[in-house]
Amino acid sequence: MDININEAMRIFLPIFGIIFFFSVFLLRTFIVWKNTGINAYVLLNQSGAYGTIGRYFKILPLFSTLVTCNIFILPI
């Protein structure tokens, strides 16, 4: 059984990315919401530096998911 390292990483990285995203973002947000009743993933719409950072943190999970799917679909 000859497994190419690129092929193994193409399969492993998306699976790891999905598990990491679920455990870090979704599961922890759900736990905080159940314990406190506050949605921890809501960022306020502010102007200035806080608003810019908030927009980046809203876009970052989407971008990470797209990159992970791209690795899975396209060969390296």
PDB file of N, CA and C in Angstrom:
ATOM      1  N   MET A   1       0.841  -1.170   0.000  1.00  0.00           N
ATOM      2  CA  MET A   1       0.000   0.000   0.000  1.00  0.00           C
ATOM      3  C   MET A   1       0.886   1.234   0.000  1.00  0.00           C
ATOM      4  N   ASP A   2       0.904   1.920  -1.106  1.00  0.00           N
ATOM      5  CA  ASP A   2       1.766   3.085  -1.273  1.00  0.00           C
ATOM      6  C   ASP A   2       0.911   4.352  -1.192  1.00  0.00           C
ATOM      7  N   ILE A   3       1.103   5.122  -0.116  1.00  0.00           N
ATOM      8  CA  ILE A   3       0.333   6.348   0.080  1.00  0.00           C
ATOM      9  C   ILE A   3       1.249   7.537  -0.143  1.00  0.00           C
ATOM     10  N   ASN A   4       0.853   8.390  -1.056  1.00  0.00           N
ATOM     11  CA  ASN A   4       1.582   9.613  -1.329  1.00  0.00           C
ATOM     12  C   ASN A   4       1.292  10.618  -0.209  1.00  0.00           C
ATOM     13  N   ILE A   5       2.319  11.299   0.292  1.00  0.00           N
ATOM     14  CA  ILE A   5       2.144  12.244   1.397  1.00  0.00           C
ATOM     15  C   ILE A   5       1.247  13.410   0.991  1.00  0.00           C
ATOM     16  N   ASN A   6       1.329  13.851  -0.260  1.00  0.00           N
ATOM     17  CA  ASN A   6       0.467  14.938  -0.715  1.00  0.00           C
ATOM     18  C   ASN A   6      -0.992  14.511  -0.717  1.00  0.00           C
ATOM     19  N   GLU A   7      -1.250  13.301  -1.131  1.00  0.00           N
ATOM     20  CA  GLU A   7      -2.620  12.793  -1.149  1.00  0.00           C
ATOM     21  C   GLU A   7      -3.152  12.621   0.281  1.00  0.00           C
ATOM     22  N   ALA A   8      -2.305  12.151   1.170  1.00  0.00           N
ATOM     23  CA  ALA A   8      -2.715  11.987   2.566  1.00  0.00           C
ATOM     24  C   ALA A   8      -3.015  13.340   3.205  1.00  0.00           C
ATOM     25  N   MET A   9      -2.197  14.349   2.939  1.00  0.00           N
ATOM     26  CA  MET A   9      -2.429  15.685   3.493  1.00  0.00           C
ATOM     27  C   MET A   9      -3.656  16.339   2.881  1.00  0.00           C
ATOM     28  N   ARG A  10      -3.931  16.041   1.637  1.00  0.00           N
ATOM     29  CA  ARG A  10      -5.111  16.606   0.973  1.00  0.00           C
ATOM     30  C   ARG A  10      -6.382  16.086   1.626  1.00  0.00           C
ATOM     31  N   ILE A  11      -6.330  14.907   2.185  1.00  0.00           N
ATOM     32  CA  ILE A  11      -7.486  14.345   2.875  1.00  0.00           C
ATOM     33  C   ILE A  11      -7.475  14.721   4.361  1.00  0.00           C
ATOM     34  N   PHE A  12      -6.307  14.697   4.988  1.00  0.00           N
ATOM     35  CA  PHE A  12      -6.207  14.949   6.423  1.00  0.00           C
ATOM     36  C   PHE A  12      -6.490  16.405   6.783  1.00  0.00           C
ATOM     37  N   LEU A  13      -5.944  17.363   6.044  1.00  0.00           N
ATOM     38  CA  LEU A  13      -6.086  18.773   6.394  1.00  0.00           C
ATOM     39  C   LEU A  13      -7.536  19.255   6.425  1.00  0.00           C
ATOM     40  N   PRO A  14      -8.364  18.934   5.447  1.00  0.00           N
ATOM     41  CA  PRO A  14      -9.761  19.373   5.554  1.00  0.00           C
ATOM     42  C   PRO A  14     -10.506  18.742   6.731  1.00  0.00           C
ATOM     43  N   ILE A  15     -10.241  17.476   6.996  1.00  0.00           N
ATOM     44  CA  ILE A  15     -10.892  16.822   8.134  1.00  0.00           C
ATOM     45  C   ILE A  15     -10.445  17.476   9.433  1.00  0.00           C
ATOM     46  N   PHE A  16      -9.152  17.734   9.568  1.00  0.00           N
ATOM     47  CA  PHE A  16      -8.641  18.421  10.753  1.00  0.00           C
ATOM     48  C   PHE A  16      -9.226  19.827  10.856  1.00  0.00           C
ATOM     49  N   GLY A  17      -9.308  20.539   9.733  1.00  0.00           N
ATOM     50  CA  GLY A  17      -9.858  21.895   9.730  1.00  0.00           C
ATOM     51  C   GLY A  17     -11.304  21.934  10.176  1.00  0.00           C
ATOM     52  N   ILE A  18     -12.097  20.976   9.728  1.00  0.00           N
ATOM     53  CA  ILE A  18     -13.500  20.931  10.127  1.00  0.00           C
ATOM     54  C   ILE A  18     -13.628  20.621  11.613  1.00  0.00           C
ATOM     55  N   ILE A  19     -12.867  19.665  12.093  1.00  0.00           N
ATOM     56  CA  ILE A  19     -12.918  19.321  13.518  1.00  0.00           C
ATOM     57  C   ILE A  19     -12.429  20.494  14.368  1.00  0.00           C
ATOM     58  N   PHE A  20     -11.359  21.156  13.934  1.00  0.00           N
ATOM     59  CA  PHE A  20     -10.828  22.306  14.676  1.00  0.00           C
ATOM     60  C   PHE A  20     -11.841  23.438  14.707  1.00  0.00           C
ATOM     61  N   PHE A  21     -12.431  23.769  13.553  1.00  0.00           N
ATOM     62  CA  PHE A  21     -13.411  24.849  13.486  1.00  0.00           C
ATOM     63  C   PHE A  21     -14.604  24.545  14.387  1.00  0.00           C
ATOM     64  N   PHE A  22     -15.083  23.298  14.343  1.00  0.00           N
ATOM     65  CA  PHE A  22     -16.225  22.925  15.173  1.00  0.00           C
ATOM     66  C   PHE A  22     -15.891  23.041  16.657  1.00  0.00           C
ATOM     67  N   SER A  23     -14.737  22.510  17.052  1.00  0.00           N
ATOM     68  CA  SER A  23     -14.404  22.488  18.478  1.00  0.00           C
ATOM     69  C   SER A  23     -14.046  23.865  19.016  1.00  0.00           C
ATOM     70  N   VAL A  24     -13.380  24.673  18.227  1.00  0.00           N
ATOM     71  CA  VAL A  24     -12.931  25.976  18.730  1.00  0.00           C
ATOM     72  C   VAL A  24     -14.028  27.030  18.640  1.00  0.00           C
ATOM     73  N   PHE A  25     -14.675  27.132  17.513  1.00  0.00           N
ATOM     74  CA  PHE A  25     -15.646  28.211  17.334  1.00  0.00           C
ATOM     75  C   PHE A  25     -17.062  27.799  17.722  1.00  0.00           C
ATOM     76  N   LEU A  26     -17.597  26.800  17.080  1.00  0.00           N
ATOM     77  CA  LEU A  26     -19.005  26.481  17.273  1.00  0.00           C
ATOM     78  C   LEU A  26     -19.293  25.868  18.636  1.00  0.00           C
ATOM     79  N   LEU A  27     -18.505  24.903  19.050  1.00  0.00           N
ATOM     80  CA  LEU A  27     -18.760  24.244  20.320  1.00  0.00           C
ATOM     81  C   LEU A  27     -18.557  25.194  21.497  1.00  0.00           C
ATOM     82  N   ARG A  28     -17.485  25.955  21.488  1.00  0.00           N
ATOM     83  CA  ARG A  28     -17.234  26.890  22.595  1.00  0.00           C
ATOM     84  C   ARG A  28     -18.286  28.000  22.628  1.00  0.00           C
ATOM     85  N   THR A  29     -18.715  28.488  21.460  1.00  0.00           N
ATOM     86  CA  THR A  29     -19.750  29.504  21.424  1.00  0.00           C
ATOM     87  C   THR A  29     -21.057  28.949  21.979  1.00  0.00           C
ATOM     88  N   PHE A  30     -21.373  27.714  21.634  1.00  0.00           N
ATOM     89  CA  PHE A  30     -22.584  27.082  22.145  1.00  0.00           C
ATOM     90  C   PHE A  30     -22.517  26.909  23.662  1.00  0.00           C
ATOM     91  N   ILE A  31     -21.367  26.504  24.179  1.00  0.00           N
ATOM     92  CA  ILE A  31     -21.215  26.313  25.630  1.00  0.00           C
ATOM     93  C   ILE A  31     -21.382  27.640  26.365  1.00  0.00           C
ATOM     94  N   VAL A  32     -20.774  28.706  25.848  1.00  0.00           N
ATOM     95  CA  VAL A  32     -20.917  30.021  26.480  1.00  0.00           C
ATOM     96  C   VAL A  32     -22.374  30.467  26.432  1.00  0.00           C
ATOM     97  N   TRP A  33     -23.034  30.249  25.292  1.00  0.00           N
ATOM     98  CA  TRP A  33     -24.436  30.648  25.149  1.00  0.00           C
ATOM     99  C   TRP A  33     -25.331  29.889  26.132  1.00  0.00           C
ATOM    100  N   LYS A  34     -25.095  28.573  26.304  1.00  0.00           N
ATOM    101  CA  LYS A  34     -25.916  27.788  27.220  1.00  0.00           C
ATOM    102  C   LYS A  34     -25.685  28.204  28.672  1.00  0.00           C
ATOM    103  N   ASN A  35     -24.439  28.552  29.021  1.00  0.00           N
ATOM    104  CA  ASN A  35     -24.132  28.906  30.410  1.00  0.00           C
ATOM    105  C   ASN A  35     -24.551  30.328  30.766  1.00  0.00           C
ATOM    106  N   THR A  36     -24.411  31.253  29.823  1.00  0.00           N
ATOM    107  CA  THR A  36     -24.654  32.661  30.144  1.00  0.00           C
ATOM    108  C   THR A  36     -25.844  33.270  29.417  1.00  0.00           C
ATOM    109  N   GLY A  37     -26.269  32.668  28.311  1.00  0.00           N
ATOM    110  CA  GLY A  37     -27.346  33.246  27.512  1.00  0.00           C
ATOM    111  C   GLY A  37     -26.867  34.334  26.571  1.00  0.00           C
ATOM    112  N   ILE A  38     -25.553  34.504  26.452  1.00  0.00           N
ATOM    113  CA  ILE A  38     -24.969  35.542  25.601  1.00  0.00           C
ATOM    114  C   ILE A  38     -24.317  34.880  24.400  1.00  0.00           C
ATOM    115  N   ASN A  39     -24.595  35.405  23.211  1.00  0.00           N
ATOM    116  CA  ASN A  39     -23.952  34.900  21.993  1.00  0.00           C
ATOM    117  C   ASN A  39     -22.547  35.483  21.931  1.00  0.00           C
ATOM    118  N   ALA A  40     -21.542  34.645  22.111  1.00  0.00           N
ATOM    119  CA  ALA A  40     -20.154  35.104  22.190  1.00  0.00           C
ATOM    120  C   ALA A  40     -19.579  35.461  20.827  1.00  0.00           C
ATOM    121  N   TYR A  41     -20.254  35.106  19.748  1.00  0.00           N
ATOM    122  CA  TYR A  41     -19.710  35.353  18.416  1.00  0.00           C
ATOM    123  C   TYR A  41     -20.246  36.636  17.795  1.00  0.00           C
ATOM    124  N   VAL A  42     -21.060  37.370  18.513  1.00  0.00           N
ATOM    125  CA  VAL A  42     -21.597  38.627  18.000  1.00  0.00           C
ATOM    126  C   VAL A  42     -20.593  39.737  18.263  1.00  0.00           C
ATOM    127  N   LEU A  43     -20.206  40.430  17.201  1.00  0.00           N
ATOM    128  CA  LEU A  43     -19.323  41.582  17.331  1.00  0.00           C
ATOM    129  C   LEU A  43     -20.130  42.833  17.005  1.00  0.00           C
ATOM    130  N   LEU A  44     -19.960  43.849  17.807  1.00  0.00           N
ATOM    131  CA  LEU A  44     -20.727  45.076  17.622  1.00  0.00           C
ATOM    132  C   LEU A  44     -20.261  45.829  16.388  1.00  0.00           C
ATOM    133  N   ASN A  45     -21.185  46.525  15.748  1.00  0.00           N
ATOM    134  CA  ASN A  45     -20.832  47.371  14.604  1.00  0.00           C
ATOM    135  C   ASN A  45     -20.346  48.711  15.142  1.00  0.00           C
ATOM    136  N   GLN A  46     -19.042  48.888  15.123  1.00  0.00           N
ATOM    137  CA  GLN A  46     -18.439  50.121  15.613  1.00  0.00           C
ATOM    138  C   GLN A  46     -17.609  50.731  14.494  1.00  0.00           C
ATOM    139  N   SER A  47     -17.261  51.976  14.675  1.00  0.00           N
ATOM    140  CA  SER A  47     -16.381  52.624  13.703  1.00  0.00           C
ATOM    141  C   SER A  47     -14.956  52.599  14.240  1.00  0.00           C
ATOM    142  N   GLY A  48     -14.014  52.874  13.354  1.00  0.00           N
ATOM    143  CA  GLY A  48     -12.623  52.932  13.761  1.00  0.00           C
ATOM    144  C   GLY A  48     -11.956  51.565  13.794  1.00  0.00           C
ATOM    145  N   ALA A  49     -10.968  51.458  14.660  1.00  0.00           N
ATOM    146  CA  ALA A  49     -10.162  50.236  14.722  1.00  0.00           C
ATOM    147  C   ALA A  49     -10.979  49.033  15.199  1.00  0.00           C
ATOM    148  N   TYR A  50     -11.868  49.230  16.162  1.00  0.00           N
ATOM    149  CA  TYR A  50     -12.667  48.109  16.668  1.00  0.00           C
ATOM    150  C   TYR A  50     -13.606  47.560  15.591  1.00  0.00           C
ATOM    151  N   GLY A  51     -14.171  48.440  14.792  1.00  0.00           N
ATOM    152  CA  GLY A  51     -15.042  48.005  13.702  1.00  0.00           C
ATOM    153  C   GLY A  51     -14.278  47.240  12.633  1.00  0.00           C
ATOM    154  N   THR A  52     -13.065  47.703  12.313  1.00  0.00           N
ATOM    155  CA  THR A  52     -12.237  47.021  11.315  1.00  0.00           C
ATOM    156  C   THR A  52     -11.845  45.629  11.807  1.00  0.00           C
ATOM    157  N   ILE A  53     -11.423  45.531  13.040  1.00  0.00           N
ATOM    158  CA  ILE A  53     -11.047  44.236  13.596  1.00  0.00           C
ATOM    159  C   ILE A  53     -12.262  43.311  13.657  1.00  0.00           C
ATOM    160  N   GLY A  54     -13.416  43.840  14.000  1.00  0.00           N
ATOM    161  CA  GLY A  54     -14.636  43.042  14.034  1.00  0.00           C
ATOM    162  C   GLY A  54     -14.992  42.492  12.662  1.00  0.00           C
ATOM    163  N   ARG A  55     -14.839  43.303  11.610  1.00  0.00           N
ATOM    164  CA  ARG A  55     -15.107  42.820  10.248  1.00  0.00           C
ATOM    165  C   ARG A  55     -14.124  41.729   9.857  1.00  0.00           C
ATOM    166  N   TYR A  56     -12.863  41.887  10.218  1.00  0.00           N
ATOM    167  CA  TYR A  56     -11.874  40.851   9.897  1.00  0.00           C
ATOM    168  C   TYR A  56     -12.205  39.537  10.595  1.00  0.00           C
ATOM    169  N   PHE A  57     -12.627  39.608  11.848  1.00  0.00           N
ATOM    170  CA  PHE A  57     -12.957  38.390  12.577  1.00  0.00           C
ATOM    171  C   PHE A  57     -14.243  37.745  12.074  1.00  0.00           C
ATOM    172  N   LYS A  58     -15.105  38.515  11.401  1.00  0.00           N
ATOM    173  CA  LYS A  58     -16.283  37.923  10.784  1.00  0.00           C
ATOM    174  C   LYS A  58     -15.929  37.248   9.463  1.00  0.00           C
ATOM    175  N   ILE A  59     -14.934  37.768   8.751  1.00  0.00           N
ATOM    176  CA  ILE A  59     -14.549  37.238   7.447  1.00  0.00           C
ATOM    177  C   ILE A  59     -13.578  36.064   7.584  1.00  0.00           C
ATOM    178  N   LEU A  60     -12.757  36.051   8.613  1.00  0.00           N
ATOM    179  CA  LEU A  60     -11.711  35.036   8.774  1.00  0.00           C
ATOM    180  C   LEU A  60     -12.219  33.595   8.783  1.00  0.00           C
ATOM    181  N   PRO A  61     -13.287  33.236   9.510  1.00  0.00           N
ATOM    182  CA  PRO A  61     -13.763  31.840   9.451  1.00  0.00           C
ATOM    183  C   PRO A  61     -14.234  31.429   8.055  1.00  0.00           C
ATOM    184  N   LEU A  62     -14.877  32.338   7.347  1.00  0.00           N
ATOM    185  CA  LEU A  62     -15.311  32.038   5.983  1.00  0.00           C
ATOM    186  C   LEU A  62     -14.113  31.805   5.079  1.00  0.00           C
ATOM    187  N   PHE A  63     -13.120  32.648   5.167  1.00  0.00           N
ATOM    188  CA  PHE A  63     -11.916  32.506   4.356  1.00  0.00           C
ATOM    189  C   PHE A  63     -11.185  31.201   4.681  1.00  0.00           C
ATOM    190  N   SER A  64     -11.090  30.864   5.958  1.00  0.00           N
ATOM    191  CA  SER A  64     -10.428  29.617   6.361  1.00  0.00           C
ATOM    192  C   SER A  64     -11.161  28.397   5.821  1.00  0.00           C
ATOM    193  N   THR A  65     -12.482  28.444   5.837  1.00  0.00           N
ATOM    194  CA  THR A  65     -13.271  27.338   5.299  1.00  0.00           C
ATOM    195  C   THR A  65     -13.072  27.205   3.799  1.00  0.00           C
ATOM    196  N   LEU A  66     -13.035  28.314   3.089  1.00  0.00           N
ATOM    197  CA  LEU A  66     -12.807  28.271   1.641  1.00  0.00           C
ATOM    198  C   LEU A  66     -11.436  27.707   1.301  1.00  0.00           C
ATOM    199  N   VAL A  67     -10.414  28.093   2.040  1.00  0.00           N
ATOM    200  CA  VAL A  67      -9.070  27.572   1.805  1.00  0.00           C
ATOM    201  C   VAL A  67      -9.024  26.075   2.078  1.00  0.00           C
ATOM    202  N   THR A  68      -9.674  25.639   3.161  1.00  0.00           N
ATOM    203  CA  THR A  68      -9.700  24.218   3.479  1.00  0.00           C
ATOM    204  C   THR A  68     -10.416  23.411   2.402  1.00  0.00           C
ATOM    205  N   CYS A  69     -11.536  23.906   1.921  1.00  0.00           N
ATOM    206  CA  CYS A  69     -12.246  23.214   0.829  1.00  0.00           C
ATOM    207  C   CYS A  69     -11.423  23.202  -0.444  1.00  0.00           C
ATOM    208  N   ASN A  70     -10.692  24.268  -0.715  1.00  0.00           N
ATOM    209  CA  ASN A  70      -9.847  24.346  -1.889  1.00  0.00           C
ATOM    210  C   ASN A  70      -8.736  23.293  -1.833  1.00  0.00           C
ATOM    211  N   ILE A  71      -8.158  23.079  -0.678  1.00  0.00           N
ATOM    212  CA  ILE A  71      -7.123  22.067  -0.512  1.00  0.00           C
ATOM    213  C   ILE A  71      -7.691  20.670  -0.774  1.00  0.00           C
ATOM    214  N   PHE A  72      -8.914  20.456  -0.308  1.00  0.00           N
ATOM    215  CA  PHE A  72      -9.546  19.142  -0.473  1.00  0.00           C
ATOM    216  C   PHE A  72      -9.917  18.870  -1.928  1.00  0.00           C
ATOM    217  N   ILE A  73     -10.404  19.884  -2.629  1.00  0.00           N
ATOM    218  CA  ILE A  73     -10.896  19.689  -3.998  1.00  0.00           C
ATOM    219  C   ILE A  73      -9.752  19.653  -5.017  1.00  0.00           C
ATOM    220  N   LEU A  74      -8.853  20.608  -4.929  1.00  0.00           N
ATOM    221  CA  LEU A  74      -7.784  20.710  -5.923  1.00  0.00           C
ATOM    222  C   LEU A  74      -6.551  19.920  -5.491  1.00  0.00           C
ATOM    223  N   PRO A  75      -5.952  19.188  -6.380  1.00  0.00           N
ATOM    224  CA  PRO A  75      -4.732  18.459  -6.010  1.00  0.00           C
ATOM    225  C   PRO A  75      -3.559  19.422  -5.795  1.00  0.00           C
ATOM    226  N   ILE A  76      -2.669  19.018  -4.934  1.00  0.00           N
ATOM    227  CA  ILE A  76      -1.514  19.857  -4.613  1.00  0.00           C
ATOM    228  C   ILE A  76      -0.446  19.676  -5.672  1.00  0.00           C
TER     229      ILE A  76
END
